[in-house]
Amino acid sequence: MIRVLIADDHNVFVEGIESLISGSPDIEVAERCFSVEAVMERLDQTVIDVVLLDISFPTIEAGLGLCDYISHTFPETKVVALTMHDDASLIKRVVKKGAKGYLLKNTTKLELIQAIKAVHEKKQYFNDTITHILLNDEPRSRKSSTGVALKPNLTPRETEVLALMAQGLTTQQMAAQMFVSAKAVEFHRSSLLMKFGVPNTALLIKTAMELQLIA
């Protein structure tokens, strides 16, 4: 029996994943955790074979940190990232942190079960969608062949978050102004850091100003 832990801070999603797995005779949902601390505690107390991890748990950086922690502290426990993010650079970061599988949250029951079984057998699992994203990811340079810095392609929400960050607003203030959750703001912030290829907010704002994306 493959013992699975589902790590996600959305109860409805956890219930949905559990319902998909429940029909498989050789897979058991042993634990459901809604915080990083709970995942660490349960892994210390019980044997888990596979962790299905929302990589935005509760932020991308926290999810990546937890993935790295599990991979190094519990090497026999395999991580499958379950996320809504289809960005090639993030997929590569997750794999570098030790995840053995990567699935989008719209995955099918068959794919989910195949992923669990594959990583439990010490294999990697990437479905056709993820494989296509990785194969079609061209190395991105921040400068063109003429030496001119290239502007990243931002979504309207990312543009809005960038402008508010430049004004010095906190995550909570931005969430209130945009009528979204703090987690949504953190998601867009993490996406901006990846697209600009910078490690922190200060460099993000500096680079955006140099590219004349903000005043």
Protein backbone atom coordinates (compact mmCIF):
# COMPACT_ATOMS: atom_id res chain seq x y z
CA MET A 1 0.00 0.00 0.00
CA ILE A 2 1.39 3.41 -1.03
CA ARG A 3 0.84 5.91 1.80
CA VAL A 4 0.14 9.42 0.50
CA LEU A 5 0.15 12.80 2.24
CA ILE A 6 -1.74 15.67 0.58
CA ALA A 7 -0.26 19.09 1.39
CA ASP A 8 -2.49 21.98 0.36
CA ASP A 9 -4.12 24.87 2.23
CA HIS A 10 -7.40 24.56 0.34
CA ASN A 11 -9.68 22.00 1.93
CA VAL A 12 -11.90 21.65 -1.16
CA PHE A 13 -8.88 20.77 -3.31
CA VAL A 14 -7.65 18.23 -0.75
CA GLU A 15 -11.06 16.57 -0.74
CA GLY A 16 -11.08 16.51 -4.54
CA ILE A 17 -7.67 14.85 -4.77
CA GLU A 18 -8.64 12.35 -2.09
CA SER A 19 -11.76 11.41 -4.02
CA LEU A 20 -9.66 10.75 -7.14
CA ILE A 21 -7.26 8.50 -5.25
CA SER A 22 -9.86 6.65 -3.19
CA GLY A 23 -10.75 4.24 -5.99
CA SER A 24 -7.23 2.84 -6.25
CA PRO A 25 -6.80 -0.35 -4.18
CA ASP A 26 -3.07 0.12 -3.61
CA ILE A 27 -3.01 3.82 -2.66
CA GLU A 28 -4.08 5.21 0.72
CA VAL A 29 -4.44 8.86 1.74
CA ALA A 30 -2.75 8.60 5.13
CA GLU A 31 -2.48 12.30 6.00
CA ARG A 32 -3.98 15.65 4.99
CA CYS A 33 -1.98 18.73 5.97
CA PHE A 34 -2.99 22.37 5.60
CA SER A 35 0.25 24.05 6.76
CA VAL A 36 3.99 23.62 6.28
CA GLU A 37 4.40 22.96 10.00
CA ALA A 38 1.80 20.20 9.90
CA VAL A 39 3.61 18.47 7.03
CA MET A 40 6.91 18.49 8.94
CA GLU A 41 5.23 17.19 12.09
CA ARG A 42 3.41 14.34 10.34
CA LEU A 43 6.53 13.25 8.44
CA ASP A 44 8.35 13.03 11.76
CA GLN A 45 5.63 10.83 13.21
CA THR A 46 4.55 8.51 10.42
CA VAL A 47 5.92 6.82 7.31
CA ILE A 48 4.79 8.53 4.12
CA ASP A 49 5.69 7.23 0.67
CA VAL A 50 4.51 10.11 -1.52
CA VAL A 51 3.71 13.76 -0.79
CA LEU A 52 1.35 15.54 -3.19
CA LEU A 53 2.52 19.11 -2.68
CA ASP A 54 0.87 22.33 -3.75
CA ILE A 55 4.01 24.25 -4.69
CA SER A 56 2.27 27.52 -3.67
CA PHE A 57 2.03 26.31 -0.08
CA PRO A 58 1.36 28.99 1.06
CA THR A 59 3.76 30.81 -1.32
CA ILE A 60 6.00 29.50 -4.09
CA GLU A 61 9.15 30.12 -2.06
CA ALA A 62 7.67 28.31 0.96
CA GLY A 63 6.59 25.41 -1.25
CA LEU A 64 10.04 25.16 -2.80
CA GLY A 65 11.61 25.23 0.65
CA LEU A 66 9.32 22.46 1.88
CA CYS A 67 10.08 20.36 -1.21
CA ASP A 68 13.80 20.76 -0.55
CA TYR A 69 13.32 19.88 3.15
CA ILE A 70 11.38 16.69 2.38
CA SER A 71 13.85 15.57 -0.28
CA HIS A 72 16.86 15.98 2.02
CA THR A 73 15.35 14.98 5.38
CA PHE A 74 13.16 12.11 4.16
CA PRO A 75 14.84 10.82 0.98
CA GLU A 76 12.56 7.77 0.83
CA THR A 77 9.52 10.06 0.66
CA LYS A 78 8.92 11.21 -2.91
CA VAL A 79 7.37 14.56 -3.83
CA VAL A 80 4.93 15.18 -6.66
CA ALA A 81 4.23 18.87 -7.22
CA LEU A 82 0.55 19.64 -7.84
CA THR A 83 0.07 23.22 -8.99
CA MET A 84 -1.66 25.64 -11.32
CA HIS A 85 1.70 27.03 -12.51
CA ASP A 86 2.75 25.96 -16.00
CA ASP A 87 5.92 28.06 -16.19
CA ALA A 88 8.96 26.11 -17.43
CA SER A 89 11.38 27.97 -15.16
CA LEU A 90 9.33 27.04 -12.09
CA ILE A 91 9.11 23.40 -13.18
CA LYS A 92 12.89 23.31 -13.40
CA ARG A 93 13.26 24.93 -9.97
CA VAL A 94 10.89 22.38 -8.43
CA VAL A 95 12.84 19.49 -9.96
CA LYS A 96 16.11 20.96 -8.65
CA LYS A 97 14.56 21.01 -5.18
CA GLY A 98 13.99 17.25 -5.43
CA ALA A 99 10.46 16.75 -6.76
CA LYS A 100 10.13 13.55 -8.78
CA GLY A 101 6.90 14.51 -10.50
CA TYR A 102 5.04 17.63 -11.63
CA LEU A 103 1.34 17.86 -12.44
CA LEU A 104 -1.10 20.69 -13.03
CA LYS A 105 -4.17 20.83 -10.82
CA ASN A 106 -6.43 19.95 -13.74
CA THR A 107 -4.79 16.53 -13.97
CA THR A 108 -6.87 13.43 -14.60
CA LYS A 109 -7.38 10.58 -12.15
CA LEU A 110 -5.32 8.27 -14.37
CA GLU A 111 -2.37 10.69 -14.51
CA LEU A 112 -2.45 11.26 -10.78
CA ILE A 113 -2.39 7.55 -9.98
CA GLN A 114 0.32 6.94 -12.59
CA ALA A 115 2.44 9.71 -11.06
CA ILE A 116 2.10 8.33 -7.53
CA LYS A 117 3.05 4.82 -8.62
CA ALA A 118 5.94 6.01 -10.80
CA VAL A 119 7.66 8.12 -8.12
CA HIS A 120 7.09 5.38 -5.54
CA GLU A 121 9.06 3.11 -7.87
CA LYS A 122 11.87 5.73 -7.85
CA LYS A 123 11.04 7.01 -11.33
CA GLN A 124 10.21 10.53 -12.48
CA TYR A 125 6.80 11.46 -13.85
CA PHE A 126 5.96 14.29 -16.24
CA ASN A 127 2.85 14.00 -18.39
CA ASP A 128 2.63 15.14 -22.02
CA THR A 129 1.63 18.69 -21.04
CA ILE A 130 4.63 19.25 -18.77
CA THR A 131 7.00 17.53 -21.19
CA HIS A 132 5.77 19.81 -23.99
CA ILE A 133 6.33 22.91 -21.84
CA LEU A 134 9.89 21.85 -21.03
CA LEU A 135 10.78 20.86 -24.59
CA ASN A 136 9.51 24.15 -25.99
CA ASP A 137 11.20 26.34 -23.39
CA GLU A 138 13.87 28.36 -25.15
CA PRO A 139 16.70 29.76 -23.03
CA ARG A 140 15.69 33.30 -22.22
CA SER A 141 18.23 36.10 -22.08
CA ARG A 142 17.56 39.42 -20.46
CA LYS A 143 19.26 41.11 -23.43
CA SER A 144 18.71 40.86 -27.15
CA SER A 145 21.46 40.29 -29.69
CA THR A 146 21.88 44.06 -29.91
CA GLY A 147 22.53 44.33 -26.19
CA VAL A 148 19.18 45.97 -25.45
CA ALA A 149 17.40 44.63 -22.37
CA LEU A 150 14.29 42.63 -23.19
CA LYS A 151 11.02 43.43 -21.44
CA PRO A 152 9.33 40.38 -19.89
CA ASN A 153 5.81 39.57 -21.01
CA LEU A 154 3.59 40.50 -18.07
CA THR A 155 -0.06 39.74 -17.45
CA PRO A 156 -2.39 42.65 -16.53
CA ARG A 157 -2.42 41.46 -12.92
CA GLU A 158 1.37 41.28 -12.78
CA THR A 159 1.57 44.80 -14.19
CA GLU A 160 -0.83 46.00 -11.49
CA VAL A 161 1.10 44.27 -8.70
CA LEU A 162 4.38 45.68 -10.01
CA ALA A 163 2.99 49.22 -9.95
CA LEU A 164 1.68 48.80 -6.40
CA MET A 165 4.99 47.31 -5.24
CA ALA A 166 6.75 50.38 -6.66
CA GLN A 167 4.47 52.50 -4.48
CA GLY A 168 5.71 50.64 -1.41
CA LEU A 169 2.42 48.91 -0.55
CA THR A 170 2.50 45.80 1.62
CA THR A 171 1.03 42.48 0.52
CA GLN A 172 -2.07 43.05 2.65
CA GLN A 173 -2.54 46.58 1.29
CA MET A 174 -2.23 45.34 -2.29
CA ALA A 175 -4.67 42.50 -1.63
CA ALA A 176 -7.23 44.95 -0.21
CA GLN A 177 -6.83 47.37 -3.12
CA MET A 178 -7.06 44.62 -5.75
CA PHE A 179 -9.88 42.75 -3.97
CA VAL A 180 -7.92 39.49 -3.98
CA SER A 181 -6.32 37.30 -1.32
CA ALA A 182 -2.83 37.88 0.07
CA LYS A 183 -1.87 34.50 -1.40
CA ALA A 184 -2.85 35.71 -4.87
CA VAL A 185 -0.63 38.76 -4.46
CA GLU A 186 2.28 36.57 -3.35
CA PHE A 187 1.74 34.37 -6.38
CA HIS A 188 2.01 37.34 -8.73
CA ARG A 189 5.04 38.67 -6.84
CA SER A 190 6.83 35.32 -7.16
CA SER A 191 5.94 35.19 -10.84
CA LEU A 192 7.41 38.66 -11.33
CA LEU A 193 10.66 37.65 -9.64
CA MET A 194 10.96 34.64 -11.96
CA LYS A 195 10.15 36.59 -15.11
CA PHE A 196 12.66 39.32 -14.30
CA GLY A 197 15.24 36.79 -13.13
CA VAL A 198 15.94 38.63 -9.87
CA PRO A 199 16.08 37.34 -6.27
CA ASN A 200 14.35 40.15 -4.37
CA THR A 201 11.92 43.05 -4.55
CA ALA A 202 14.59 45.76 -4.56
CA LEU A 203 16.22 44.39 -7.72
CA LEU A 204 12.80 43.79 -9.25
CA ILE A 205 11.84 47.46 -8.86
CA LYS A 206 15.27 48.63 -10.05
CA THR A 207 15.11 46.45 -13.17
CA ALA A 208 11.52 47.47 -13.93
CA MET A 209 12.53 51.13 -13.71
CA GLU A 210 15.47 50.56 -16.04
CA LEU A 211 13.11 48.94 -18.54
CA GLN A 212 10.72 51.90 -18.09
CA LEU A 213 7.90 49.62 -16.97
CA ILE A 214 7.36 51.84 -13.95
CA ALA A 215 8.21 55.47 -13.32
